C-alpha atoms as a PDB file:
ATOM      1  CA  MET A   1      65.014 -19.739   0.270  1.00  0.00           C
ATOM      2  CA  GLU A   2      64.975 -18.793   3.853  1.00  0.00           C
ATOM      3  CA  GLY A   3      68.017 -20.943   4.601  1.00  0.00           C
ATOM      4  CA  LEU A   4      70.042 -19.209   1.999  1.00  0.00           C
ATOM      5  CA  LYS A   5      69.489 -15.624   2.908  1.00  0.00           C
ATOM      6  CA  SER A   6      72.823 -15.349   4.633  1.00  0.00           C
ATOM      7  CA  GLN A   7      74.661 -16.212   1.363  1.00  0.00           C
ATOM      8  CA  ARG A   8      75.402 -13.897  -1.464  1.00  0.00           C
ATOM      9  CA  PHE A   9      73.488 -15.464  -4.348  1.00  0.00           C
ATOM     10  CA  SER A  10      71.471 -14.765  -7.545  1.00  0.00           C
ATOM     11  CA  ALA A  11      68.226 -16.767  -7.963  1.00  0.00           C
ATOM     12  CA  VAL A  12      66.744 -17.061 -11.441  1.00  0.00           C
ATOM     13  CA  SER A  13      63.691 -19.091 -12.178  1.00  0.00           C
ATOM     14  CA  LEU A  14      63.898 -21.247 -15.273  1.00  0.00           C
ATOM     15  CA  SER A  15      60.821 -19.547 -16.535  1.00  0.00           C
ATOM     16  CA  GLY A  16      62.703 -16.155 -16.383  1.00  0.00           C
ATOM     17  CA  ILE A  17      60.266 -14.592 -13.965  1.00  0.00           C
ATOM     18  CA  THR A  18      62.274 -14.353 -10.751  1.00  0.00           C
ATOM     19  CA  GLU A  19      65.725 -12.770 -10.492  1.00  0.00           C
ATOM     20  CA  ILE A  20      67.706 -11.886  -7.435  1.00  0.00           C
ATOM     21  CA  LYS A  21      71.365 -10.623  -7.659  1.00  0.00           C
ATOM     22  CA  ASP A  22      73.863  -9.760  -5.018  1.00  0.00           C
ATOM     23  CA  SER A  23      74.393  -5.969  -4.741  1.00  0.00           C
ATOM     24  CA  HIS A  24      78.296  -6.371  -4.445  1.00  0.00           C
ATOM     25  CA  CYS A  25      79.086  -8.711  -7.344  1.00  0.00           C
ATOM     26  CA  SER A  26      78.259  -8.771 -11.033  1.00  0.00           C
ATOM     27  CA  SER A  27      80.590 -11.456 -12.182  1.00  0.00           C
ATOM     28  CA  PHE A  28      77.862 -14.125 -12.855  1.00  0.00           C
ATOM     29  CA  PRO A  29      75.530 -14.809 -15.769  1.00  0.00           C
ATOM     30  CA  ASP A  30      72.396 -12.901 -15.958  1.00  0.00           C
ATOM     31  CA  ALA A  31      68.778 -14.472 -16.203  1.00  0.00           C
ATOM     32  CA  ASN A  32      68.796 -14.495 -19.989  1.00  0.00           C
ATOM     33  CA  THR A  33      71.934 -16.266 -20.072  1.00  0.00           C
ATOM     34  CA  LEU A  34      70.984 -18.884 -17.684  1.00  0.00           C
ATOM     35  CA  GLU A  35      67.682 -19.408 -19.615  1.00  0.00           C
ATOM     36  CA  ARG A  36      69.814 -20.255 -22.803  1.00  0.00           C
ATOM     37  CA  MET A  37      72.009 -22.788 -20.968  1.00  0.00           C
ATOM     38  CA  ASP A  38      71.564 -26.472 -21.721  1.00  0.00           C
ATOM     39  CA  GLY A  39      71.694 -29.173 -19.026  1.00  0.00           C
ATOM     40  CA  GLU A  40      75.451 -29.872 -19.473  1.00  0.00           C
ATOM     41  CA  GLN A  41      76.387 -26.085 -18.942  1.00  0.00           C
ATOM     42  CA  LYS A  42      74.344 -25.924 -15.823  1.00  0.00           C
ATOM     43  CA  MET A  43      75.871 -28.984 -14.528  1.00  0.00           C
ATOM     44  CA  ASN A  44      79.366 -27.439 -15.111  1.00  0.00           C
ATOM     45  CA  PHE A  45      78.349 -24.626 -13.026  1.00  0.00           C
ATOM     46  CA  LYS A  46      76.964 -26.939 -10.379  1.00  0.00           C
ATOM     47  CA  ASN A  47      80.108 -28.896 -10.204  1.00  0.00           C
ATOM     48  CA  THR A  48      82.258 -25.700  -9.711  1.00  0.00           C
ATOM     49  CA  GLY A  49      80.156 -24.808  -6.705  1.00  0.00           C
ATOM     50  CA  LYS A  50      78.732 -21.698  -8.293  1.00  0.00           C
ATOM     51  CA  ILE A  51      75.134 -23.021  -9.049  1.00  0.00           C
ATOM     52  CA  THR A  52      72.624 -25.052  -7.204  1.00  0.00           C
ATOM     53  CA  ILE A  53      69.423 -26.266  -8.619  1.00  0.00           C
ATOM     54  CA  LEU A  54      66.663 -26.083  -5.976  1.00  0.00           C
ATOM     55  CA  GLY A  55      63.118 -26.706  -6.840  1.00  0.00           C
ATOM     56  CA  GLY A  56      62.044 -24.777  -9.844  1.00  0.00           C
ATOM     57  CA  PHE A  57      65.037 -22.241  -9.251  1.00  0.00           C
ATOM     58  CA  VAL A  58      68.597 -22.014 -10.425  1.00  0.00           C
ATOM     59  CA  ILE A  59      70.633 -20.741  -7.298  1.00  0.00           C
ATOM     60  CA  LEU A  60      73.980 -19.231  -8.353  1.00  0.00           C
ATOM     61  CA  THR A  61      76.045 -18.880  -5.205  1.00  0.00           C
ATOM     62  CA  LEU A  62      79.053 -16.649  -5.353  1.00  0.00           C
ATOM     63  CA  ILE A  63      82.419 -17.967  -4.123  1.00  0.00           C
ATOM     64  CA  SER A  64      84.559 -15.573  -2.067  1.00  0.00           C
ATOM     65  CA  SER A  65      87.337 -15.331  -4.871  1.00  0.00           C
ATOM     66  CA  GLY A  66      84.853 -13.655  -7.303  1.00  0.00           C
ATOM     67  CA  CYS A  67      83.086 -11.486  -4.720  1.00  0.00           C
ATOM     68  CA  THR A  68      85.862  -9.462  -2.958  1.00  0.00           C
ATOM     69  CA  LYS A  69      84.957  -5.797  -2.772  1.00  0.00           C
ATOM     70  CA  LYS A  70      87.762  -3.630  -4.106  1.00  0.00           C
ATOM     71  CA  LYS A  71      89.500  -1.326  -1.654  1.00  0.00           C
ATOM     72  CA  THR A  72      90.445   2.222  -2.441  1.00  0.00           C
ATOM     73  CA  CYS A  73      93.362   4.156  -0.691  1.00  0.00           C
ATOM     74  CA  PRO A  74      94.076   7.901  -0.616  1.00  0.00           C
ATOM     75  CA  MET A  75      96.110   9.200  -3.622  1.00  0.00           C
ATOM     76  CA  GLY A  76      99.676   8.178  -3.473  1.00  0.00           C
ATOM     77  CA  GLN A  77      99.065   5.214  -1.107  1.00  0.00           C
ATOM     78  CA  LYS A  78      98.637   1.588  -1.926  1.00  0.00           C
ATOM     79  CA  TRP A  79      96.675  -1.429  -0.554  1.00  0.00           C
ATOM     80  CA  VAL A  80      99.049  -3.782   1.006  1.00  0.00           C
ATOM     81  CA  ASP A  81      98.225  -6.661   3.413  1.00  0.00           C
ATOM     82  CA  LYS A  82      94.660  -5.474   3.995  1.00  0.00           C
ATOM     83  CA  GLN A  83      95.823  -1.768   4.774  1.00  0.00           C
ATOM     84  CA  CYS A  84      96.578   1.434   2.921  1.00  0.00           C
ATOM     85  CA  VAL A  85     100.333   2.056   3.074  1.00  0.00           C
ATOM     86  CA  CYS A  86     102.214   5.253   2.449  1.00  0.00           C
ATOM     87  CA  LYS A  87     105.798   5.651   1.201  1.00  0.00           C
ATOM     88  CA  LEU A  88     106.427   9.413   1.223  1.00  0.00           C
ATOM     89  CA  ASP A  89     105.296  12.370   3.368  1.00  0.00           C
ATOM     90  CA  SER A  90     103.424  13.773   0.424  1.00  0.00           C
ATOM     91  CA  ASN A  91     101.286  10.745   0.511  1.00  0.00           C
ATOM     92  CA  CYS A  92      99.656  11.967   3.650  1.00  0.00           C
ATOM     93  CA  PRO A  93      97.203  14.798   4.588  1.00  0.00           C
ATOM     94  CA  LYS A  94      98.665  18.144   5.487  1.00  0.00           C
ATOM     95  CA  ASN A  95     100.532  18.317   8.895  1.00  0.00           C
ATOM     96  CA  MET A  96     101.144  14.646   8.868  1.00  0.00           C
ATOM     97  CA  VAL A  97     104.090  12.441   7.874  1.00  0.00           C
ATOM     98  CA  CYS A  98     104.697   8.925   6.783  1.00  0.00           C
ATOM     99  CA  LEU A  99     106.196   6.638   9.311  1.00  0.00           C
ATOM    100  CA  LYS A 100     106.645   2.967   8.785  1.00  0.00           C
ATOM    101  CA  GLY A 101     103.911   2.949   6.149  1.00  0.00           C
ATOM    102  CA  LYS A 102     101.400   4.911   8.300  1.00  0.00           C
ATOM    103  CA  CYS A 103     100.374   8.634   8.291  1.00  0.00           C
ATOM    104  CA  VAL A 104     100.858  10.071  11.781  1.00  0.00           C
ATOM    105  CA  GLU A 105     100.481  13.542  13.074  1.00  0.00           C
ATOM    106  CA  ALA A 106     103.667  15.568  12.888  1.00  0.00           C
ATOM    107  CA  LYS A 107     102.708  18.326  15.284  1.00  0.00           C
ATOM    108  CA  LYS A 108     104.605  17.920  18.610  1.00  0.00           C
ATOM    109  CA  THR A 109     105.897  14.552  17.940  1.00  0.00           C
ATOM    110  CA  CYS A 110     109.408  15.095  16.878  1.00  0.00           C
ATOM    111  CA  PRO A 111     112.025  13.980  17.259  1.00  0.00           C
ATOM    112  CA  ASP A 112     110.406  10.402  17.279  1.00  0.00           C
ATOM    113  CA  VAL A 113     108.580  11.401  14.140  1.00  0.00           C
ATOM    114  CA  PRO A 114     110.653  13.318  11.480  1.00  0.00           C
ATOM    115  CA  CYS A 115     109.565  16.912  10.607  1.00  0.00           C
ATOM    116  CA  PRO A 116     108.188  17.240   7.093  1.00  0.00           C
ATOM    117  CA  ASP A 117     109.033  19.614   4.370  1.00  0.00           C
ATOM    118  CA  GLY A 118     112.641  20.239   5.556  1.00  0.00           C
ATOM    119  CA  ARG A 119     111.768  21.631   8.879  1.00  0.00           C
ATOM    120  CA  VAL A 120     113.627  21.017  12.201  1.00  0.00           C
ATOM    121  CA  CYS A 121     112.541  20.003  15.604  1.00  0.00           C
ATOM    122  CA  ASP A 122     112.529  22.364  18.412  1.00  0.00           C
ATOM    123  CA  ALA A 123     111.286  21.210  21.791  1.00  0.00           C
ATOM    124  CA  GLY A 124     108.795  18.844  20.239  1.00  0.00           C
ATOM    125  CA  THR A 125     107.566  21.377  17.599  1.00  0.00           C
ATOM    126  CA  CYS A 126     108.551  21.579  13.902  1.00  0.00           C
ATOM    127  CA  ARG A 127     109.721  24.980  12.602  1.00  0.00           C
ATOM    128  CA  ASN A 128     111.567  26.454   9.873  1.00  0.00           C
ATOM    129  CA  CYS A 129     115.393  26.571  10.099  1.00  0.00           C
ATOM    130  CA  ASN A 130     117.521  29.573  10.771  1.00  0.00           C
ATOM    131  CA  LYS A 131     120.956  28.434  10.142  1.00  0.00           C
ATOM    132  CA  ASP A 132     122.901  25.521   8.523  1.00  0.00           C
ATOM    133  CA  ALA A 133     123.986  23.950  11.818  1.00  0.00           C
ATOM    134  CA  GLU A 134     120.320  23.133  12.726  1.00  0.00           C
ATOM    135  CA  CYS A 135     120.000  20.954   9.562  1.00  0.00           C
ATOM    136  CA  GLY A 136     122.593  18.355  10.502  1.00  0.00           C
ATOM    137  CA  LYS A 137     125.459  16.910   8.418  1.00  0.00           C
ATOM    138  CA  GLY A 138     125.123  17.011   4.689  1.00  0.00           C
ATOM    139  CA  LYS A 139     122.428  19.676   4.738  1.00  0.00           C
ATOM    140  CA  PHE A 140     122.149  23.350   4.647  1.00  0.00           C
ATOM    141  CA  CYS A 141     119.374  25.930   5.544  1.00  0.00           C
ATOM    142  CA  ASP A 142     117.868  27.689   2.342  1.00  0.00           C
ATOM    143  CA  ASN A 143     115.130  30.131   3.062  1.00  0.00           C
ATOM    144  CA  GLY A 144     113.858  28.249   6.232  1.00  0.00           C
ATOM    145  CA  THR A 145     114.097  24.863   4.667  1.00  0.00           C
ATOM    146  CA  CYS A 146     116.677  22.111   5.173  1.00  0.00           C
ATOM    147  CA  LYS A 147     118.171  20.890   1.858  1.00  0.00           C
ATOM    148  CA  PRO A 148     120.730  18.284   0.967  1.00  0.00           C
ATOM    149  CA  VAL A 149     124.324  19.705  -0.023  1.00  0.00           C
ATOM    150  CA  GLY A 150     124.523  19.133  -3.750  1.00  0.00           C
ATOM    151  CA  ASN A 151     127.422  17.551  -5.729  1.00  0.00           C
ATOM    152  CA  GLN A 152     127.273  19.834  -8.959  1.00  0.00           C
ATOM    153  CA  CYS A 153     130.276  21.545  -7.816  1.00  0.00           C
ATOM    154  CA  SER A 154     133.074  21.856  -5.461  1.00  0.00           C
ATOM    155  CA  PRO A 155     136.625  23.499  -5.293  1.00  0.00           C
ATOM    156  CA  ASP A 156     137.632  20.642  -7.558  1.00  0.00           C
ATOM    157  CA  HIS A 157     134.806  21.013 -10.035  1.00  0.00           C
ATOM    158  CA  ASP A 158     133.943  24.478 -11.500  1.00  0.00           C
ATOM    159  CA  CYS A 159     130.493  25.857 -12.526  1.00  0.00           C
ATOM    160  CA  PRO A 160     129.824  27.256 -15.923  1.00  0.00           C
ATOM    161  CA  LEU A 161     130.557  30.848 -16.658  1.00  0.00           C
ATOM    162  CA  GLY A 162     128.243  33.240 -14.959  1.00  0.00           C
ATOM    163  CA  GLN A 163     127.480  30.908 -12.139  1.00  0.00           C
ATOM    164  CA  LYS A 164     129.099  30.194  -8.752  1.00  0.00           C
ATOM    165  CA  CYS A 165     129.202  27.229  -6.418  1.00  0.00           C
ATOM    166  CA  VAL A 166     126.962  27.480  -3.355  1.00  0.00           C
ATOM    167  CA  ASN A 167     126.354  24.574  -1.120  1.00  0.00           C
ATOM    168  CA  GLY A 168     127.339  22.141  -3.892  1.00  0.00           C
ATOM    169  CA  TYR A 169     124.993  23.726  -6.416  1.00  0.00           C
ATOM    170  CA  CYS A 170     125.720  26.092  -9.462  1.00  0.00           C
ATOM    171  CA  VAL A 171     123.602  29.157  -8.977  1.00  0.00           C
ATOM    172  CA  THR A 172     123.601  32.405 -11.041  1.00  0.00           C
ATOM    173  CA  ASP A 173     126.013  34.972  -9.940  1.00  0.00           C
ATOM    174  CA  ASN A 174     124.252  38.312  -9.842  1.00  0.00           C
ATOM    175  CA  GLY A 175     127.726  40.274  -9.747  1.00  0.00           C
ATOM    176  CA  LYS A 176     126.288  42.880  -7.589  1.00  0.00           C
ATOM    177  CA  ALA A 177     128.609  44.583  -4.932  1.00  0.00           C
ATOM    178  CA  PRO A 178     127.516  46.207  -1.814  1.00  0.00           C
ATOM    179  CA  SER A 179     127.278  49.890  -2.374  1.00  0.00           C
ATOM    180  CA  CYS A 180     128.306  52.676   0.203  1.00  0.00           C
ATOM    181  CA  MET A 181     128.496  56.485   0.597  1.00  0.00           C
ATOM    182  CA  GLY A 182     130.851  58.618   2.906  1.00  0.00           C
ATOM    183  CA  SER A 183     131.852  57.052   6.093  1.00  0.00           C
ATOM    184  CA  ALA A 184     130.037  53.929   5.434  1.00  0.00           C
ATOM    185  CA  CYS A 185     132.806  53.008   2.923  1.00  0.00           C
ATOM    186  CA  ALA A 186     135.091  52.423   5.632  1.00  0.00           C
ATOM    187  CA  SER A 187     136.898  48.920   5.338  1.00  0.00           C
ATOM    188  CA  PRO A 188     137.216  46.609   8.283  1.00  0.00           C
ATOM    189  CA  CYS A 189     140.645  45.733   7.062  1.00  0.00           C
ATOM    190  CA  ASP A 190     142.683  45.914   3.915  1.00  0.00           C
ATOM    191  CA  LEU A 191     142.486  43.153   1.268  1.00  0.00           C
ATOM    192  CA  VAL A 192     145.341  42.682  -1.213  1.00  0.00           C
ATOM    193  CA  PRO A 193     145.143  41.799  -4.828  1.00  0.00           C
ATOM    194  CA  VAL A 194     145.984  38.146  -6.209  1.00  0.00           C
ATOM    195  CA  PHE A 195     148.254  38.344  -9.323  1.00  0.00           C
ATOM    196  CA  PHE A 196     148.556  35.768 -12.228  1.00  0.00           C
ATOM    197  CA  ASP A 197     150.986  34.801 -14.919  1.00  0.00           C
ATOM    198  CA  TYR A 198     150.272  35.792 -18.467  1.00  0.00           C
ATOM    199  CA  LYS A 199     147.366  33.719 -19.977  1.00  0.00           C
ATOM    200  CA  ALA A 200     147.107  31.766 -16.673  1.00  0.00           C
ATOM    201  CA  ALA A 201     144.210  31.088 -14.333  1.00  0.00           C
ATOM    202  CA  ARG A 202     146.138  28.822 -11.968  1.00  0.00           C
ATOM    203  CA  VAL A 203     147.039  30.397  -8.628  1.00  0.00           C
ATOM    204  CA  HIS A 204     150.724  30.164  -8.521  1.00  0.00           C
ATOM    205  CA  SER A 205     152.857  29.493  -5.410  1.00  0.00           C
ATOM    206  CA  GLY A 206     153.957  33.156  -5.112  1.00  0.00           C
ATOM    207  CA  ALA A 207     150.320  34.317  -4.777  1.00  0.00           C
ATOM    208  CA  LYS A 208     149.757  31.994  -1.712  1.00  0.00           C
ATOM    209  CA  SER A 209     150.945  34.763   0.756  1.00  0.00           C
ATOM    210  CA  ALA A 210     148.350  37.157  -0.669  1.00  0.00           C
ATOM    211  CA  LEU A 211     145.483  34.577   0.068  1.00  0.00           C
ATOM    212  CA  LYS A 212     146.667  34.040   3.580  1.00  0.00           C
ATOM    213  CA  ALA A 213     146.655  37.869   4.130  1.00  0.00           C
ATOM    214  CA  ASN A 214     143.143  38.037   2.890  1.00  0.00           C
ATOM    215  CA  MET A 215     141.991  35.113   4.861  1.00  0.00           C
ATOM    216  CA  ALA A 216     143.194  36.788   8.018  1.00  0.00           C
ATOM    217  CA  CYS A 217     141.463  39.959   7.008  1.00  0.00           C
ATOM    218  CA  LEU A 218     138.261  38.053   6.438  1.00  0.00           C
ATOM    219  CA  HIS A 219     138.194  36.666   9.922  1.00  0.00           C
ATOM    220  CA  LYS A 220     138.652  40.178  11.447  1.00  0.00           C
ATOM    221  CA  ALA A 221     135.758  41.392   9.204  1.00  0.00           C
ATOM    222  CA  VAL A 222     133.572  38.605  10.272  1.00  0.00           C
ATOM    223  CA  ALA A 223     134.289  39.391  13.997  1.00  0.00           C
ATOM    224  CA  LYS A 224     133.143  42.864  13.309  1.00  0.00           C
ATOM    225  CA  GLY A 225     129.877  41.813  11.711  1.00  0.00           C
ATOM    226  CA  VAL A 226     131.062  42.367   7.948  1.00  0.00           C
ATOM    227  CA  ASN A 227     130.368  39.021   6.074  1.00  0.00           C
ATOM    228  CA  ARG A 228     130.239  39.988   2.428  1.00  0.00           C
ATOM    229  CA  VAL A 229     133.095  40.739  -0.141  1.00  0.00           C
ATOM    230  CA  HIS A 230     133.155  41.529  -3.776  1.00  0.00           C
ATOM    231  CA  MET A 231     135.800  39.803  -6.227  1.00  0.00           C
ATOM    232  CA  MET A 232     136.492  41.392  -9.599  1.00  0.00           C
ATOM    233  CA  GLY A 233     138.625  39.523 -12.181  1.00  0.00           C
ATOM    234  CA  LEU A 234     140.912  41.292 -14.539  1.00  0.00           C
ATOM    235  CA  ALA A 235     143.128  40.638 -17.450  1.00  0.00           C
ATOM    236  CA  ASP A 236     145.712  42.556 -19.476  1.00  0.00           C
ATOM    237  CA  PRO A 237     144.575  43.910 -22.975  1.00  0.00           C
ATOM    238  CA  ARG A 238     146.244  41.229 -25.048  1.00  0.00           C
ATOM    239  CA  GLY A 239     144.270  38.582 -26.813  1.00  0.00           C
ATOM    240  CA  PRO A 240     140.603  38.524 -27.949  1.00  0.00           C
ATOM    241  CA  THR A 241     138.063  40.134 -25.795  1.00  0.00           C
ATOM    242  CA  THR A 242     135.943  36.913 -25.293  1.00  0.00           C
ATOM    243  CA  PHE A 243     139.074  35.096 -24.199  1.00  0.00           C
ATOM    244  CA  ASN A 244     140.014  37.657 -21.576  1.00  0.00           C
ATOM    245  CA  ASP A 245     136.377  37.609 -20.221  1.00  0.00           C
ATOM    246  CA  ASP A 246     136.482  33.899 -19.635  1.00  0.00           C
ATOM    247  CA  LEU A 247     140.021  34.119 -18.197  1.00  0.00           C
ATOM    248  CA  SER A 248     139.088  36.854 -15.721  1.00  0.00           C
ATOM    249  CA  SER A 249     135.920  34.651 -14.628  1.00  0.00           C
ATOM    250  CA  GLN A 250     138.324  31.528 -14.225  1.00  0.00           C
ATOM    251  CA  ARG A 251     140.761  33.445 -12.097  1.00  0.00           C
ATOM    252  CA  ILE A 252     137.971  34.570  -9.644  1.00  0.00           C
ATOM    253  CA  LYS A 253     136.744  30.834  -9.424  1.00  0.00           C
ATOM    254  CA  ASN A 254     140.242  29.570  -8.757  1.00  0.00           C
ATOM    255  CA  VAL A 255     140.862  32.162  -5.950  1.00  0.00           C
ATOM    256  CA  MET A 256     137.522  31.255  -4.392  1.00  0.00           C
ATOM    257  CA  ASP A 257     138.433  27.551  -4.589  1.00  0.00           C
ATOM    258  CA  GLU A 258     141.813  28.099  -2.923  1.00  0.00           C
ATOM    259  CA  MET A 259     140.355  30.138  -0.068  1.00  0.00           C
ATOM    260  CA  THR A 260     137.621  27.468   0.496  1.00  0.00           C
ATOM    261  CA  LEU A 261     140.195  24.858   0.866  1.00  0.00           C
ATOM    262  CA  MET A 262     142.175  26.925   3.258  1.00  0.00           C
ATOM    263  CA  ASP A 263     139.294  27.593   5.654  1.00  0.00           C
ATOM    264  CA  PRO A 264     135.860  26.125   4.524  1.00  0.00           C
ATOM    265  CA  ALA A 265     134.219  27.105   7.817  1.00  0.00           C
ATOM    266  CA  LEU A 266     135.006  30.715   7.349  1.00  0.00           C
ATOM    267  CA  MET A 267     134.092  30.852   3.677  1.00  0.00           C
ATOM    268  CA  LYS A 268     130.693  29.434   4.607  1.00  0.00           C
ATOM    269  CA  LYS A 269     130.194  32.698   6.652  1.00  0.00           C
ATOM    270  CA  ILE A 270     131.079  34.961   3.727  1.00  0.00           C
ATOM    271  CA  THR A 271     128.764  35.933   0.931  1.00  0.00           C
ATOM    272  CA  VAL A 272     130.936  36.477  -2.157  1.00  0.00           C
ATOM    273  CA  SER A 273     129.642  38.336  -5.292  1.00  0.00           C
ATOM    274  CA  THR A 274     131.771  38.211  -8.376  1.00  0.00           C
ATOM    275  CA  GLU A 275     132.400  40.450 -11.383  1.00  0.00           C
ATOM    276  CA  PRO A 276     134.470  39.102 -14.372  1.00  0.00           C
ATOM    277  CA  LEU A 277     135.698  42.468 -16.040  1.00  0.00           C
ATOM    278  CA  GLY A 278     138.177  41.048 -18.572  1.00  0.00           C
ATOM    279  CA  GLU A 279     140.248  43.775 -20.155  1.00  0.00           C
ATOM    280  CA  THR A 280     137.767  46.560 -19.153  1.00  0.00           C
ATOM    281  CA  CYS A 281     140.068  48.054 -16.485  1.00  0.00           C
ATOM    282  CA  ALA A 282     143.487  47.289 -18.112  1.00  0.00           C
ATOM    283  CA  LYS A 283     145.986  50.236 -18.046  1.00  0.00           C
ATOM    284  CA  GLY A 284     149.252  48.463 -18.911  1.00  0.00           C
ATOM    285  CA  THR A 285     151.283  49.328 -21.921  1.00  0.00           C
ATOM    286  CA  ASP A 286     154.223  46.876 -21.502  1.00  0.00           C
ATOM    287  CA  GLU A 287     155.005  43.847 -19.494  1.00  0.00           C
ATOM    288  CA  ASP A 288     155.936  45.663 -16.419  1.00  0.00           C
ATOM    289  CA  THR A 289     152.637  47.201 -16.350  1.00  0.00           C
ATOM    290  CA  TRP A 290     150.499  44.260 -17.895  1.00  0.00           C
ATOM    291  CA  LYS A 291     151.484  41.975 -14.962  1.00  0.00           C
ATOM    292  CA  LYS A 292     149.588  44.502 -12.691  1.00  0.00           C
ATOM    293  CA  ASP A 293     146.431  44.095 -14.938  1.00  0.00           C
ATOM    294  CA  ARG A 294     146.351  40.274 -14.386  1.00  0.00           C
ATOM    295  CA  ARG A 295     144.684  40.041 -11.004  1.00  0.00           C
ATOM    296  CA  VAL A 296     141.843  39.277  -8.852  1.00  0.00           C
ATOM    297  CA  GLU A 297     140.859  42.432  -6.730  1.00  0.00           C
ATOM    298  CA  MET A 298     138.646  42.074  -3.554  1.00  0.00           C
ATOM    299  CA  VAL A 299     136.677  45.022  -2.191  1.00  0.00           C
ATOM    300  CA  TRP A 300     134.268  45.428   0.589  1.00  0.00           C
ATOM    301  CA  PHE A 301     132.174  47.986  -1.271  1.00  0.00           C
ATOM    302  CA  LYS A 302     131.859  49.774  -4.667  1.00  0.00           C
ATOM    303  CA  LYS A 303     130.761  53.485  -4.785  1.00  0.00           C
ATOM    304  CA  SER A 304     127.803  54.465  -6.924  1.00  0.00           C
ATOM    305  CA  SER A 305     128.736  54.234 -10.700  1.00  0.00           C
ATOM    306  CA  GLN A 306     132.053  52.654  -9.852  1.00  0.00           C
ATOM    307  CA  VAL A 307     133.404  50.069 -12.448  1.00  0.00           C
ATOM    308  CA  CYS A 308     137.041  49.383 -11.823  1.00  0.00           C
ATOM    309  CA  PRO A 309     138.594  48.825  -8.399  1.00  0.00           C
END
């Protein structure tokens, strides 16, 4: 037995008295099973190299294919080519990122190692973003985290009613306008209404001059530090109330789309809140006055308790 101690084996006496098993493997017959084997069965084990008859003992030698110890990896990682491999940053411990299948320290290793969780690299240190330009092409900064621009909406694809398009995603429009009191209600420049044809939401060619004037005004406002505007959609009183509500909402969206196409960089600097009012503020009584009801009105502020522009 001395010469066999370096091997992993189980020695079982034919009388069932002695039993020695390898601590790493259990994929071989126990003593009772061997006791019941006839000569032919034992010879089969011997021929496969798994059993050796030595003296009064049956020596069961374990081959490597049946005695490999199973490796375990951290959650999310897989055992590949004799090592644990990650695929995502989330497979790694905190403050580490997955790089070429290995978890490495993220602190002070950027830009060679990407920053995790949508953060940006600043002089070798990962930090939260402050503006869209820091995130790179196709991404925007959202509450300190860089996120990919979505494809849910664009100037050519509208969002459902009650939502607006922000960085390619349809988000809920809260409809709240900035409030003001006294001298704080002073406007940086004058915005003009955009008018529509009867039952129409499309911005017709005659309204393009109004859009250009408003874009010039927005440029001046941004230069003065004012970067928020409120849009109200209105309709004349003819037709069902639900139709007019939907129509006023669609008019707002089309005006926003046209302005975004005219100057996308400027519109990214502007926070727009919207409020479809339908026929709520209609005052017309005939076609000459109804056409003034069909419009999108832009304002900088709304006074307390103010509903109509």
